[in-house]
Amino acid sequence: MAQYMLLLRGGEFKQYSPEEMQKIVERYFAWGNKLRAEGRHRGGDELKDGGRILSVKNGKVVDGPFTETKEVVGGYYLFEAKDYDEAAAISKECPHLTYGGSIEIREINPH
């Protein structure tokens, strides 16, 4: 089976109360646990705020350009699927889509 990484981008969460956010987090954990129960899960976590994009400009390493909030990668999942179509079908169940986020699906190229 191939491995796929889901990059979770954006999402609207500021309007939720702490109690509602707890329930939202539980939905993400439940989805990850479903992948574990199916033997597919290979990794995944939320990413902390404040990351940087490094690039080389005029021979110097510089921060930026900074991405807009809607494009920020906030987390990832790594799982196995037989092909891209199955990975896309599995990804559609991720709660992130419910909260205005988008998901980038990338197949891992093992070396």
PDB file of N, CA and C in Angstrom:
ATOM      1  N   MET A   1       0.837  -1.194   0.000  1.00  0.00           N
ATOM      2  CA  MET A   1       0.000   0.000   0.000  1.00  0.00           C
ATOM      3  C   MET A   1       0.870   1.241   0.000  1.00  0.00           C
ATOM      4  N   ALA A   2       0.368   2.259  -0.643  1.00  0.00           N
ATOM      5  CA  ALA A   2       1.067   3.541  -0.687  1.00  0.00           C
ATOM      6  C   ALA A   2       0.747   4.358   0.556  1.00  0.00           C
ATOM      7  N   GLN A   3       1.631   5.301   0.872  1.00  0.00           N
ATOM      8  CA  GLN A   3       1.376   6.222   1.977  1.00  0.00           C
ATOM      9  C   GLN A   3       1.010   7.588   1.407  1.00  0.00           C
ATOM     10  N   TYR A   4       0.048   8.236   2.083  1.00  0.00           N
ATOM     11  CA  TYR A   4      -0.428   9.554   1.670  1.00  0.00           C
ATOM     12  C   TYR A   4      -0.358  10.503   2.854  1.00  0.00           C
ATOM     13  N   MET A   5       0.020  11.736   2.561  1.00  0.00           N
ATOM     14  CA  MET A   5       0.022  12.770   3.584  1.00  0.00           C
ATOM     15  C   MET A   5      -1.092  13.751   3.260  1.00  0.00           C
ATOM     16  N   LEU A   6      -1.888  14.050   4.271  1.00  0.00           N
ATOM     17  CA  LEU A   6      -2.906  15.083   4.160  1.00  0.00           C
ATOM     18  C   LEU A   6      -2.367  16.316   4.857  1.00  0.00           C
ATOM     19  N   LEU A   7      -2.326  17.425   4.167  1.00  0.00           N
ATOM     20  CA  LEU A   7      -1.921  18.699   4.757  1.00  0.00           C
ATOM     21  C   LEU A   7      -3.196  19.503   4.975  1.00  0.00           C
ATOM     22  N   LEU A   8      -3.484  19.810   6.236  1.00  0.00           N
ATOM     23  CA  LEU A   8      -4.716  20.509   6.591  1.00  0.00           C
ATOM     24  C   LEU A   8      -4.451  22.008   6.559  1.00  0.00           C
ATOM     25  N   ARG A   9      -5.163  22.708   5.700  1.00  0.00           N
ATOM     26  CA  ARG A   9      -4.967  24.154   5.519  1.00  0.00           C
ATOM     27  C   ARG A   9      -6.194  24.919   5.977  1.00  0.00           C
ATOM     28  N   GLY A  10      -5.937  26.068   6.599  1.00  0.00           N
ATOM     29  CA  GLY A  10      -7.016  26.986   6.956  1.00  0.00           C
ATOM     30  C   GLY A  10      -7.989  26.413   7.969  1.00  0.00           C
ATOM     31  N   GLY A  11      -9.226  26.834   7.840  1.00  0.00           N
ATOM     32  CA  GLY A  11     -10.265  26.434   8.784  1.00  0.00           C
ATOM     33  C   GLY A  11     -10.691  27.621   9.626  1.00  0.00           C
ATOM     34  N   GLU A  12     -11.948  27.642   9.993  1.00  0.00           N
ATOM     35  CA  GLU A  12     -12.511  28.741  10.783  1.00  0.00           C
ATOM     36  C   GLU A  12     -12.853  28.216  12.178  1.00  0.00           C
ATOM     37  N   PHE A  13     -12.105  28.632  13.178  1.00  0.00           N
ATOM     38  CA  PHE A  13     -12.299  28.113  14.527  1.00  0.00           C
ATOM     39  C   PHE A  13     -12.470  29.196  15.592  1.00  0.00           C
ATOM     40  N   LYS A  14     -12.253  30.447  15.270  1.00  0.00           N
ATOM     41  CA  LYS A  14     -12.261  31.511  16.271  1.00  0.00           C
ATOM     42  C   LYS A  14     -13.635  31.742  16.899  1.00  0.00           C
ATOM     43  N   GLN A  15     -14.703  31.408  16.191  1.00  0.00           N
ATOM     44  CA  GLN A  15     -16.040  31.705  16.689  1.00  0.00           C
ATOM     45  C   GLN A  15     -16.556  30.672  17.694  1.00  0.00           C
ATOM     46  N   TYR A  16     -15.797  29.621  17.943  1.00  0.00           N
ATOM     47  CA  TYR A  16     -16.264  28.552  18.828  1.00  0.00           C
ATOM     48  C   TYR A  16     -15.844  28.790  20.273  1.00  0.00           C
ATOM     49  N   SER A  17     -16.713  28.407  21.192  1.00  0.00           N
ATOM     50  CA  SER A  17     -16.407  28.492  22.622  1.00  0.00           C
ATOM     51  C   SER A  17     -15.389  27.405  22.968  1.00  0.00           C
ATOM     52  N   PRO A  18     -14.755  27.505  24.140  1.00  0.00           N
ATOM     53  CA  PRO A  18     -13.821  26.446  24.558  1.00  0.00           C
ATOM     54  C   PRO A  18     -14.494  25.071  24.603  1.00  0.00           C
ATOM     55  N   GLU A  19     -15.740  25.014  25.035  1.00  0.00           N
ATOM     56  CA  GLU A  19     -16.454  23.733  25.094  1.00  0.00           C
ATOM     57  C   GLU A  19     -16.680  23.178  23.686  1.00  0.00           C
ATOM     58  N   GLU A  20     -17.049  24.064  22.758  1.00  0.00           N
ATOM     59  CA  GLU A  20     -17.250  23.626  21.377  1.00  0.00           C
ATOM     60  C   GLU A  20     -15.932  23.189  20.755  1.00  0.00           C
ATOM     61  N   MET A  21     -14.855  23.907  21.060  1.00  0.00           N
ATOM     62  CA  MET A  21     -13.542  23.525  20.530  1.00  0.00           C
ATOM     63  C   MET A  21     -13.111  22.154  21.038  1.00  0.00           C
ATOM     64  N   GLN A  22     -13.433  21.854  22.279  1.00  0.00           N
ATOM     65  CA  GLN A  22     -13.111  20.535  22.817  1.00  0.00           C
ATOM     66  C   GLN A  22     -13.813  19.443  22.003  1.00  0.00           C
ATOM     67  N   LYS A  23     -15.065  19.678  21.649  1.00  0.00           N
ATOM     68  CA  LYS A  23     -15.812  18.697  20.846  1.00  0.00           C
ATOM     69  C   LYS A  23     -15.230  18.577  19.434  1.00  0.00           C
ATOM     70  N   ILE A  24     -14.775  19.700  18.901  1.00  0.00           N
ATOM     71  CA  ILE A  24     -14.156  19.672  17.577  1.00  0.00           C
ATOM     72  C   ILE A  24     -12.864  18.861  17.619  1.00  0.00           C
ATOM     73  N   VAL A  25     -12.040  19.111  18.625  1.00  0.00           N
ATOM     74  CA  VAL A  25     -10.791  18.355  18.784  1.00  0.00           C
ATOM     75  C   VAL A  25     -11.095  16.871  18.922  1.00  0.00           C
ATOM     76  N   GLU A  26     -12.124  16.534  19.659  1.00  0.00           N
ATOM     77  CA  GLU A  26     -12.514  15.131  19.822  1.00  0.00           C
ATOM     78  C   GLU A  26     -12.898  14.497  18.488  1.00  0.00           C
ATOM     79  N   ARG A  27     -13.495  15.279  17.584  1.00  0.00           N
ATOM     80  CA  ARG A  27     -13.833  14.754  16.253  1.00  0.00           C
ATOM     81  C   ARG A  27     -12.565  14.400  15.472  1.00  0.00           C
ATOM     82  N   TYR A  28     -11.545  15.255  15.569  1.00  0.00           N
ATOM     83  CA  TYR A  28     -10.278  14.956  14.894  1.00  0.00           C
ATOM     84  C   TYR A  28      -9.634  13.701  15.484  1.00  0.00           C
ATOM     85  N   PHE A  29      -9.626  13.607  16.823  1.00  0.00           N
ATOM     86  CA  PHE A  29      -9.061  12.413  17.464  1.00  0.00           C
ATOM     87  C   PHE A  29      -9.826  11.156  17.064  1.00  0.00           C
ATOM     88  N   ALA A  30     -11.142  11.257  16.996  1.00  0.00           N
ATOM     89  CA  ALA A  30     -11.959  10.098  16.613  1.00  0.00           C
ATOM     90  C   ALA A  30     -11.629   9.659  15.190  1.00  0.00           C
ATOM     91  N   TRP A  31     -11.436  10.625  14.294  1.00  0.00           N
ATOM     92  CA  TRP A  31     -11.101  10.268  12.914  1.00  0.00           C
ATOM     93  C   TRP A  31      -9.721   9.599  12.856  1.00  0.00           C
ATOM     94  N   GLY A  32      -8.748  10.140  13.586  1.00  0.00           N
ATOM     95  CA  GLY A  32      -7.430   9.518  13.645  1.00  0.00           C
ATOM     96  C   GLY A  32      -7.497   8.117  14.246  1.00  0.00           C
ATOM     97  N   ASN A  33      -8.320   7.943  15.277  1.00  0.00           N
ATOM     98  CA  ASN A  33      -8.476   6.621  15.893  1.00  0.00           C
ATOM     99  C   ASN A  33      -9.129   5.635  14.938  1.00  0.00           C
ATOM    100  N   LYS A  34     -10.028   6.118  14.084  1.00  0.00           N
ATOM    101  CA  LYS A  34     -10.641   5.246  13.067  1.00  0.00           C
ATOM    102  C   LYS A  34      -9.562   4.744  12.108  1.00  0.00           C
ATOM    103  N   LEU A  35      -8.665   5.647  11.689  1.00  0.00           N
ATOM    104  CA  LEU A  35      -7.562   5.232  10.812  1.00  0.00           C
ATOM    105  C   LEU A  35      -6.661   4.218  11.512  1.00  0.00           C
ATOM    106  N   ARG A  36      -6.422   4.430  12.820  1.00  0.00           N
ATOM    107  CA  ARG A  36      -5.612   3.470  13.588  1.00  0.00           C
ATOM    108  C   ARG A  36      -6.290   2.108  13.639  1.00  0.00           C
ATOM    109  N   ALA A  37      -7.585   2.102  13.917  1.00  0.00           N
ATOM    110  CA  ALA A  37      -8.332   0.843  14.014  1.00  0.00           C
ATOM    111  C   ALA A  37      -8.317   0.085  12.688  1.00  0.00           C
ATOM    112  N   GLU A  38      -8.265   0.806  11.588  1.00  0.00           N
ATOM    113  CA  GLU A  38      -8.209   0.181  10.261  1.00  0.00           C
ATOM    114  C   GLU A  38      -6.787  -0.230   9.879  1.00  0.00           C
ATOM    115  N   GLY A  39      -5.800   0.096  10.728  1.00  0.00           N
ATOM    116  CA  GLY A  39      -4.410  -0.232  10.435  1.00  0.00           C
ATOM    117  C   GLY A  39      -3.773   0.673   9.399  1.00  0.00           C
ATOM    118  N   ARG A  40      -4.360   1.842   9.134  1.00  0.00           N
ATOM    119  CA  ARG A  40      -3.861   2.762   8.108  1.00  0.00           C
ATOM    120  C   ARG A  40      -2.958   3.864   8.656  1.00  0.00           C
ATOM    121  N   HIS A  41      -3.182   4.260   9.879  1.00  0.00           N
ATOM    122  CA  HIS A  41      -2.541   5.450  10.451  1.00  0.00           C
ATOM    123  C   HIS A  41      -1.035   5.255  10.577  1.00  0.00           C
ATOM    124  N   ARG A  42      -0.275   6.239  10.096  1.00  0.00           N
ATOM    125  CA  ARG A  42       1.183   6.190  10.199  1.00  0.00           C
ATOM    126  C   ARG A  42       1.740   7.419  10.897  1.00  0.00           C
ATOM    127  N   GLY A  43       0.898   8.401  11.186  1.00  0.00           N
ATOM    128  CA  GLY A  43       1.366   9.594  11.876  1.00  0.00           C
ATOM    129  C   GLY A  43       0.402  10.739  11.685  1.00  0.00           C
ATOM    130  N   GLY A  44       0.631  11.789  12.444  1.00  0.00           N
ATOM    131  CA  GLY A  44      -0.186  12.981  12.297  1.00  0.00           C
ATOM    132  C   GLY A  44      -0.186  13.784  13.578  1.00  0.00           C
ATOM    133  N   ASP A  45      -0.283  15.088  13.430  1.00  0.00           N
ATOM    134  CA  ASP A  45      -0.312  15.993  14.570  1.00  0.00           C
ATOM    135  C   ASP A  45      -0.759  17.368  14.118  1.00  0.00           C
ATOM    136  N   GLU A  46      -1.166  18.154  15.112  1.00  0.00           N
ATOM    137  CA  GLU A  46      -1.420  19.570  14.892  1.00  0.00           C
ATOM    138  C   GLU A  46      -0.066  20.267  14.887  1.00  0.00           C
ATOM    139  N   LEU A  47       0.060  21.317  14.088  1.00  0.00           N
ATOM    140  CA  LEU A  47       1.294  22.082  14.047  1.00  0.00           C
ATOM    141  C   LEU A  47       1.109  23.367  14.843  1.00  0.00           C
ATOM    142  N   LYS A  48       2.138  23.762  15.575  1.00  0.00           N
ATOM    143  CA  LYS A  48       2.077  24.996  16.358  1.00  0.00           C
ATOM    144  C   LYS A  48       2.073  26.200  15.437  1.00  0.00           C
ATOM    145  N   ASP A  49       1.490  27.296  15.914  1.00  0.00           N
ATOM    146  CA  ASP A  49       1.517  28.565  15.190  1.00  0.00           C
ATOM    147  C   ASP A  49       2.941  29.100  15.164  1.00  0.00           C
ATOM    148  N   GLY A  50       3.209  29.978  14.223  1.00  0.00           N
ATOM    149  CA  GLY A  50       4.483  30.695  14.229  1.00  0.00           C
ATOM    150  C   GLY A  50       5.571  30.096  13.378  1.00  0.00           C
ATOM    151  N   GLY A  51       5.246  29.160  12.509  1.00  0.00           N
ATOM    152  CA  GLY A  51       6.273  28.612  11.633  1.00  0.00           C
ATOM    153  C   GLY A  51       6.744  29.650  10.625  1.00  0.00           C
ATOM    154  N   ARG A  52       7.791  29.344   9.923  1.00  0.00           N
ATOM    155  CA  ARG A  52       8.352  30.255   8.946  1.00  0.00           C
ATOM    156  C   ARG A  52       8.615  29.531   7.644  1.00  0.00           C
ATOM    157  N   ILE A  53       8.635  30.303   6.595  1.00  0.00           N
ATOM    158  CA  ILE A  53       9.040  29.799   5.289  1.00  0.00           C
ATOM    159  C   ILE A  53      10.417  30.392   5.021  1.00  0.00           C
ATOM    160  N   LEU A  54      11.395  29.554   4.794  1.00  0.00           N
ATOM    161  CA  LEU A  54      12.746  30.029   4.511  1.00  0.00           C
ATOM    162  C   LEU A  54      13.013  29.918   3.021  1.00  0.00           C
ATOM    163  N   SER A  55      13.681  30.904   2.480  1.00  0.00           N
ATOM    164  CA  SER A  55      14.101  30.855   1.091  1.00  0.00           C
ATOM    165  C   SER A  55      15.441  31.569   0.977  1.00  0.00           C
ATOM    166  N   VAL A  56      16.103  31.357  -0.128  1.00  0.00           N
ATOM    167  CA  VAL A  56      17.384  32.018  -0.358  1.00  0.00           C
ATOM    168  C   VAL A  56      17.139  33.151  -1.340  1.00  0.00           C
ATOM    169  N   LYS A  57      17.527  34.349  -0.927  1.00  0.00           N
ATOM    170  CA  LYS A  57      17.369  35.525  -1.778  1.00  0.00           C
ATOM    171  C   LYS A  57      18.706  36.256  -1.792  1.00  0.00           C
ATOM    172  N   ASN A  58      19.244  36.450  -2.969  1.00  0.00           N
ATOM    173  CA  ASN A  58      20.535  37.127  -3.113  1.00  0.00           C
ATOM    174  C   ASN A  58      21.611  36.454  -2.266  1.00  0.00           C
ATOM    175  N   GLY A  59      21.558  35.126  -2.180  1.00  0.00           N
ATOM    176  CA  GLY A  59      22.573  34.383  -1.453  1.00  0.00           C
ATOM    177  C   GLY A  59      22.392  34.339   0.044  1.00  0.00           C
ATOM    178  N   LYS A  60      21.311  34.948   0.579  1.00  0.00           N
ATOM    179  CA  LYS A  60      21.056  34.953   2.019  1.00  0.00           C
ATOM    180  C   LYS A  60      19.766  34.207   2.317  1.00  0.00           C
ATOM    181  N   VAL A  61      19.731  33.508   3.442  1.00  0.00           N
ATOM    182  CA  VAL A  61      18.517  32.838   3.883  1.00  0.00           C
ATOM    183  C   VAL A  61      17.635  33.871   4.573  1.00  0.00           C
ATOM    184  N   VAL A  62      16.387  34.000   4.110  1.00  0.00           N
ATOM    185  CA  VAL A  62      15.474  34.998   4.663  1.00  0.00           C
ATOM    186  C   VAL A  62      14.147  34.348   5.041  1.00  0.00           C
ATOM    187  N   ASP A  63      13.447  34.932   6.017  1.00  0.00           N
ATOM    188  CA  ASP A  63      12.096  34.520   6.359  1.00  0.00           C
ATOM    189  C   ASP A  63      11.146  35.062   5.306  1.00  0.00           C
ATOM    190  N   GLY A  64      10.060  34.312   5.079  1.00  0.00           N
ATOM    191  CA  GLY A  64       9.000  34.794   4.206  1.00  0.00           C
ATOM    192  C   GLY A  64       9.190  34.319   2.783  1.00  0.00           C
ATOM    193  N   PRO A  65       8.271  34.608   1.906  1.00  0.00           N
ATOM    194  CA  PRO A  65       7.085  35.412   2.186  1.00  0.00           C
ATOM    195  C   PRO A  65       6.133  34.663   3.113  1.00  0.00           C
ATOM    196  N   PHE A  66       5.381  35.404   3.880  1.00  0.00           N
ATOM    197  CA  PHE A  66       4.469  34.797   4.833  1.00  0.00           C
ATOM    198  C   PHE A  66       3.147  34.468   4.146  1.00  0.00           C
ATOM    199  N   THR A  67       2.620  33.314   4.437  1.00  0.00           N
ATOM    200  CA  THR A  67       1.365  32.902   3.826  1.00  0.00           C
ATOM    201  C   THR A  67       0.184  33.522   4.544  1.00  0.00           C
ATOM    202  N   GLU A  68      -0.902  33.671   3.809  1.00  0.00           N
ATOM    203  CA  GLU A  68      -2.128  34.161   4.416  1.00  0.00           C
ATOM    204  C   GLU A  68      -2.656  33.101   5.365  1.00  0.00           C
ATOM    205  N   THR A  69      -3.422  33.533   6.364  1.00  0.00           N
ATOM    206  CA  THR A  69      -3.956  32.615   7.360  1.00  0.00           C
ATOM    207  C   THR A  69      -4.718  31.466   6.725  1.00  0.00           C
ATOM    208  N   LYS A  70      -5.503  31.751   5.680  1.00  0.00           N
ATOM    209  CA  LYS A  70      -6.309  30.707   5.050  1.00  0.00           C
ATOM    210  C   LYS A  70      -5.457  29.633   4.389  1.00  0.00           C
ATOM    211  N   GLU A  71      -4.177  29.931   4.145  1.00  0.00           N
ATOM    212  CA  GLU A  71      -3.296  28.973   3.483  1.00  0.00           C
ATOM    213  C   GLU A  71      -2.351  28.266   4.445  1.00  0.00           C
ATOM    214  N   VAL A  72      -2.352  28.639   5.709  1.00  0.00           N
ATOM    215  CA  VAL A  72      -1.432  28.063   6.682  1.00  0.00           C
ATOM    216  C   VAL A  72      -1.740  26.580   6.889  1.00  0.00           C
ATOM    217  N   VAL A  73      -0.691  25.766   6.903  1.00  0.00           N
ATOM    218  CA  VAL A  73      -0.846  24.345   7.205  1.00  0.00           C
ATOM    219  C   VAL A  73      -0.916  24.217   8.717  1.00  0.00           C
ATOM    220  N   GLY A  74      -2.042  23.721   9.225  1.00  0.00           N
ATOM    221  CA  GLY A  74      -2.250  23.630  10.668  1.00  0.00           C
ATOM    222  C   GLY A  74      -2.033  22.244  11.226  1.00  0.00           C
ATOM    223  N   GLY A  75      -1.911  21.249  10.357  1.00  0.00           N
ATOM    224  CA  GLY A  75      -1.709  19.890  10.829  1.00  0.00           C
ATOM    225  C   GLY A  75      -1.580  18.940   9.656  1.00  0.00           C
ATOM    226  N   TYR A  76      -1.341  17.681   9.978  1.00  0.00           N
ATOM    227  CA  TYR A  76      -1.185  16.674   8.928  1.00  0.00           C
ATOM    228  C   TYR A  76      -1.592  15.306   9.461  1.00  0.00           C
ATOM    229  N   TYR A  77      -1.928  14.450   8.542  1.00  0.00           N
ATOM    230  CA  TYR A  77      -2.134  13.027   8.808  1.00  0.00           C
ATOM    231  C   TYR A  77      -1.319  12.267   7.782  1.00  0.00           C
ATOM    232  N   LEU A  78      -0.763  11.151   8.185  1.00  0.00           N
ATOM    233  CA  LEU A  78      -0.054  10.255   7.291  1.00  0.00           C
ATOM    234  C   LEU A  78      -0.724   8.901   7.413  1.00  0.00           C
ATOM    235  N   PHE A  79      -1.191   8.349   6.287  1.00  0.00           N
ATOM    236  CA  PHE A  79      -1.888   7.057   6.340  1.00  0.00           C
ATOM    237  C   PHE A  79      -1.646   6.282   5.057  1.00  0.00           C
ATOM    238  N   GLU A  80      -2.073   5.028   5.069  1.00  0.00           N
ATOM    239  CA  GLU A  80      -1.921   4.153   3.910  1.00  0.00           C
ATOM    240  C   GLU A  80      -3.250   3.980   3.190  1.00  0.00           C
ATOM    241  N   ALA A  81      -3.158   3.877   1.872  1.00  0.00           N
ATOM    242  CA  ALA A  81      -4.304   3.594   1.026  1.00  0.00           C
ATOM    243  C   ALA A  81      -3.796   2.866  -0.212  1.00  0.00           C
ATOM    244  N   LYS A  82      -4.678   2.133  -0.880  1.00  0.00           N
ATOM    245  CA  LYS A  82      -4.229   1.356  -2.040  1.00  0.00           C
ATOM    246  C   LYS A  82      -3.895   2.235  -3.242  1.00  0.00           C
ATOM    247  N   ASP A  83      -4.592   3.403  -3.364  1.00  0.00           N
ATOM    248  CA  ASP A  83      -4.326   4.309  -4.474  1.00  0.00           C
ATOM    249  C   ASP A  83      -4.882   5.695  -4.135  1.00  0.00           C
ATOM    250  N   TYR A  84      -4.683   6.626  -5.055  1.00  0.00           N
ATOM    251  CA  TYR A  84      -5.123   7.995  -4.804  1.00  0.00           C
ATOM    252  C   TYR A  84      -6.635   8.076  -4.598  1.00  0.00           C
ATOM    253  N   ASP A  85      -7.405   7.331  -5.385  1.00  0.00           N
ATOM    254  CA  ASP A  85      -8.863   7.381  -5.249  1.00  0.00           C
ATOM    255  C   ASP A  85      -9.306   6.961  -3.851  1.00  0.00           C
ATOM    256  N   GLU A  86      -8.691   5.917  -3.315  1.00  0.00           N
ATOM    257  CA  GLU A  86      -9.031   5.498  -1.962  1.00  0.00           C
ATOM    258  C   GLU A  86      -8.580   6.547  -0.945  1.00  0.00           C
ATOM    259  N   ALA A  87      -7.404   7.131  -1.155  1.00  0.00           N
ATOM    260  CA  ALA A  87      -6.921   8.181  -0.250  1.00  0.00           C
ATOM    261  C   ALA A  87      -7.877   9.374  -0.258  1.00  0.00           C
ATOM    262  N   ALA A  88      -8.387   9.754  -1.434  1.00  0.00           N
ATOM    263  CA  ALA A  88      -9.330  10.871  -1.527  1.00  0.00           C
ATOM    264  C   ALA A  88     -10.636  10.530  -0.819  1.00  0.00           C
ATOM    265  N   ALA A  89     -11.118   9.302  -0.978  1.00  0.00           N
ATOM    266  CA  ALA A  89     -12.361   8.892  -0.311  1.00  0.00           C
ATOM    267  C   ALA A  89     -12.199   8.922   1.206  1.00  0.00           C
ATOM    268  N   ILE A  90     -11.053   8.462   1.703  1.00  0.00           N
ATOM    269  CA  ILE A  90     -10.776   8.488   3.141  1.00  0.00           C
ATOM    270  C   ILE A  90     -10.690   9.938   3.621  1.00  0.00           C
ATOM    271  N   SER A  91     -10.046  10.787   2.837  1.00  0.00           N
ATOM    272  CA  SER A  91      -9.847  12.186   3.212  1.00  0.00           C
ATOM    273  C   SER A  91     -11.154  12.954   3.323  1.00  0.00           C
ATOM    274  N   LYS A  92     -12.135  12.590   2.540  1.00  0.00           N
ATOM    275  CA  LYS A  92     -13.434  13.274   2.571  1.00  0.00           C
ATOM    276  C   LYS A  92     -14.122  13.134   3.923  1.00  0.00           C
ATOM    277  N   GLU A  93     -13.712  12.136   4.705  1.00  0.00           N
ATOM    278  CA  GLU A  93     -14.292  11.924   6.039  1.00  0.00           C
ATOM    279  C   GLU A  93     -13.597  12.751   7.118  1.00  0.00           C
ATOM    280  N   CYS A  94     -12.496  13.416   6.776  1.00  0.00           N
ATOM    281  CA  CYS A  94     -11.764  14.211   7.757  1.00  0.00           C
ATOM    282  C   CYS A  94     -12.619  15.390   8.207  1.00  0.00           C
ATOM    283  N   PRO A  95     -12.726  15.630   9.510  1.00  0.00           N
ATOM    284  CA  PRO A  95     -13.559  16.722   9.997  1.00  0.00           C
ATOM    285  C   PRO A  95     -13.108  18.106   9.544  1.00  0.00           C
ATOM    286  N   HIS A  96     -11.883  18.239   9.092  1.00  0.00           N
ATOM    287  CA  HIS A  96     -11.359  19.545   8.718  1.00  0.00           C
ATOM    288  C   HIS A  96     -12.222  20.227   7.646  1.00  0.00           C
ATOM    289  N   LEU A  97     -12.776  19.453   6.756  1.00  0.00           N
ATOM    290  CA  LEU A  97     -13.599  20.018   5.688  1.00  0.00           C
ATOM    291  C   LEU A  97     -14.877  20.651   6.237  1.00  0.00           C
ATOM    292  N   THR A  98     -15.350  20.164   7.369  1.00  0.00           N
ATOM    293  CA  THR A  98     -16.558  20.689   8.001  1.00  0.00           C
ATOM    294  C   THR A  98     -16.366  22.111   8.504  1.00  0.00           C
ATOM    295  N   TYR A  99     -15.146  22.491   8.803  1.00  0.00           N
ATOM    296  CA  TYR A  99     -14.855  23.775   9.434  1.00  0.00           C
ATOM    297  C   TYR A  99     -14.205  24.771   8.471  1.00  0.00           C
ATOM    298  N   GLY A 100     -14.488  24.630   7.192  1.00  0.00           N
ATOM    299  CA  GLY A 100     -14.018  25.609   6.212  1.00  0.00           C
ATOM    300  C   GLY A 100     -12.580  25.435   5.779  1.00  0.00           C
ATOM    301  N   GLY A 101     -11.950  24.348   6.181  1.00  0.00           N
ATOM    302  CA  GLY A 101     -10.567  24.108   5.794  1.00  0.00           C
ATOM    303  C   GLY A 101     -10.481  23.361   4.474  1.00  0.00           C
ATOM    304  N   SER A 102      -9.289  23.285   3.946  1.00  0.00           N
ATOM    305  CA  SER A 102      -9.040  22.484   2.751  1.00  0.00           C
ATOM    306  C   SER A 102      -7.959  21.461   3.076  1.00  0.00           C
ATOM    307  N   ILE A 103      -7.909  20.434   2.267  1.00  0.00           N
ATOM    308  CA  ILE A 103      -6.956  19.345   2.479  1.00  0.00           C
ATOM    309  C   ILE A 103      -6.175  19.115   1.195  1.00  0.00           C
ATOM    310  N   GLU A 104      -4.865  19.128   1.315  1.00  0.00           N
ATOM    311  CA  GLU A 104      -4.005  18.752   0.191  1.00  0.00           C
ATOM    312  C   GLU A 104      -3.600  17.304   0.411  1.00  0.00           C
ATOM    313  N   ILE A 105      -3.786  16.472  -0.615  1.00  0.00           N
ATOM    314  CA  ILE A 105      -3.441  15.047  -0.536  1.00  0.00           C
ATOM    315  C   ILE A 105      -2.190  14.826  -1.368  1.00  0.00           C
ATOM    316  N   ARG A 106      -1.149  14.273  -0.752  1.00  0.00           N
ATOM    317  CA  ARG A 106       0.098  14.019  -1.456  1.00  0.00           C
ATOM    318  C   ARG A 106       0.562  12.597  -1.197  1.00  0.00           C
ATOM    319  N   GLU A 107       0.892  11.885  -2.255  1.00  0.00           N
ATOM    320  CA  GLU A 107       1.439  10.539  -2.103  1.00  0.00           C
ATOM    321  C   GLU A 107       2.923  10.654  -1.732  1.00  0.00           C
ATOM    322  N   ILE A 108       3.340   9.830  -0.785  1.00  0.00           N
ATOM    323  CA  ILE A 108       4.744   9.774  -0.383  1.00  0.00           C
ATOM    324  C   ILE A 108       5.527   8.985  -1.426  1.00  0.00           C
ATOM    325  N   ASN A 109       6.659   9.514  -1.843  1.00  0.00           N
ATOM    326  CA  ASN A 109       7.534   8.841  -2.786  1.00  0.00           C
ATOM    327  C   ASN A 109       8.686   8.235  -1.987  1.00  0.00           C
ATOM    328  N   PRO A 110       8.600   6.931  -1.671  1.00  0.00           N
ATOM    329  CA  PRO A 110       9.633   6.328  -0.819  1.00  0.00           C
ATOM    330  C   PRO A 110      10.983   6.256  -1.544  1.00  0.00           C
ATOM    331  N   HIS A 111      12.027   6.520  -0.766  1.00  0.00           N
ATOM    332  CA  HIS A 111      13.396   6.441  -1.306  1.00  0.00           C
ATOM    333  C   HIS A 111      14.172   5.397  -0.560  1.00  0.00           C
TER     334      HIS A 111
END
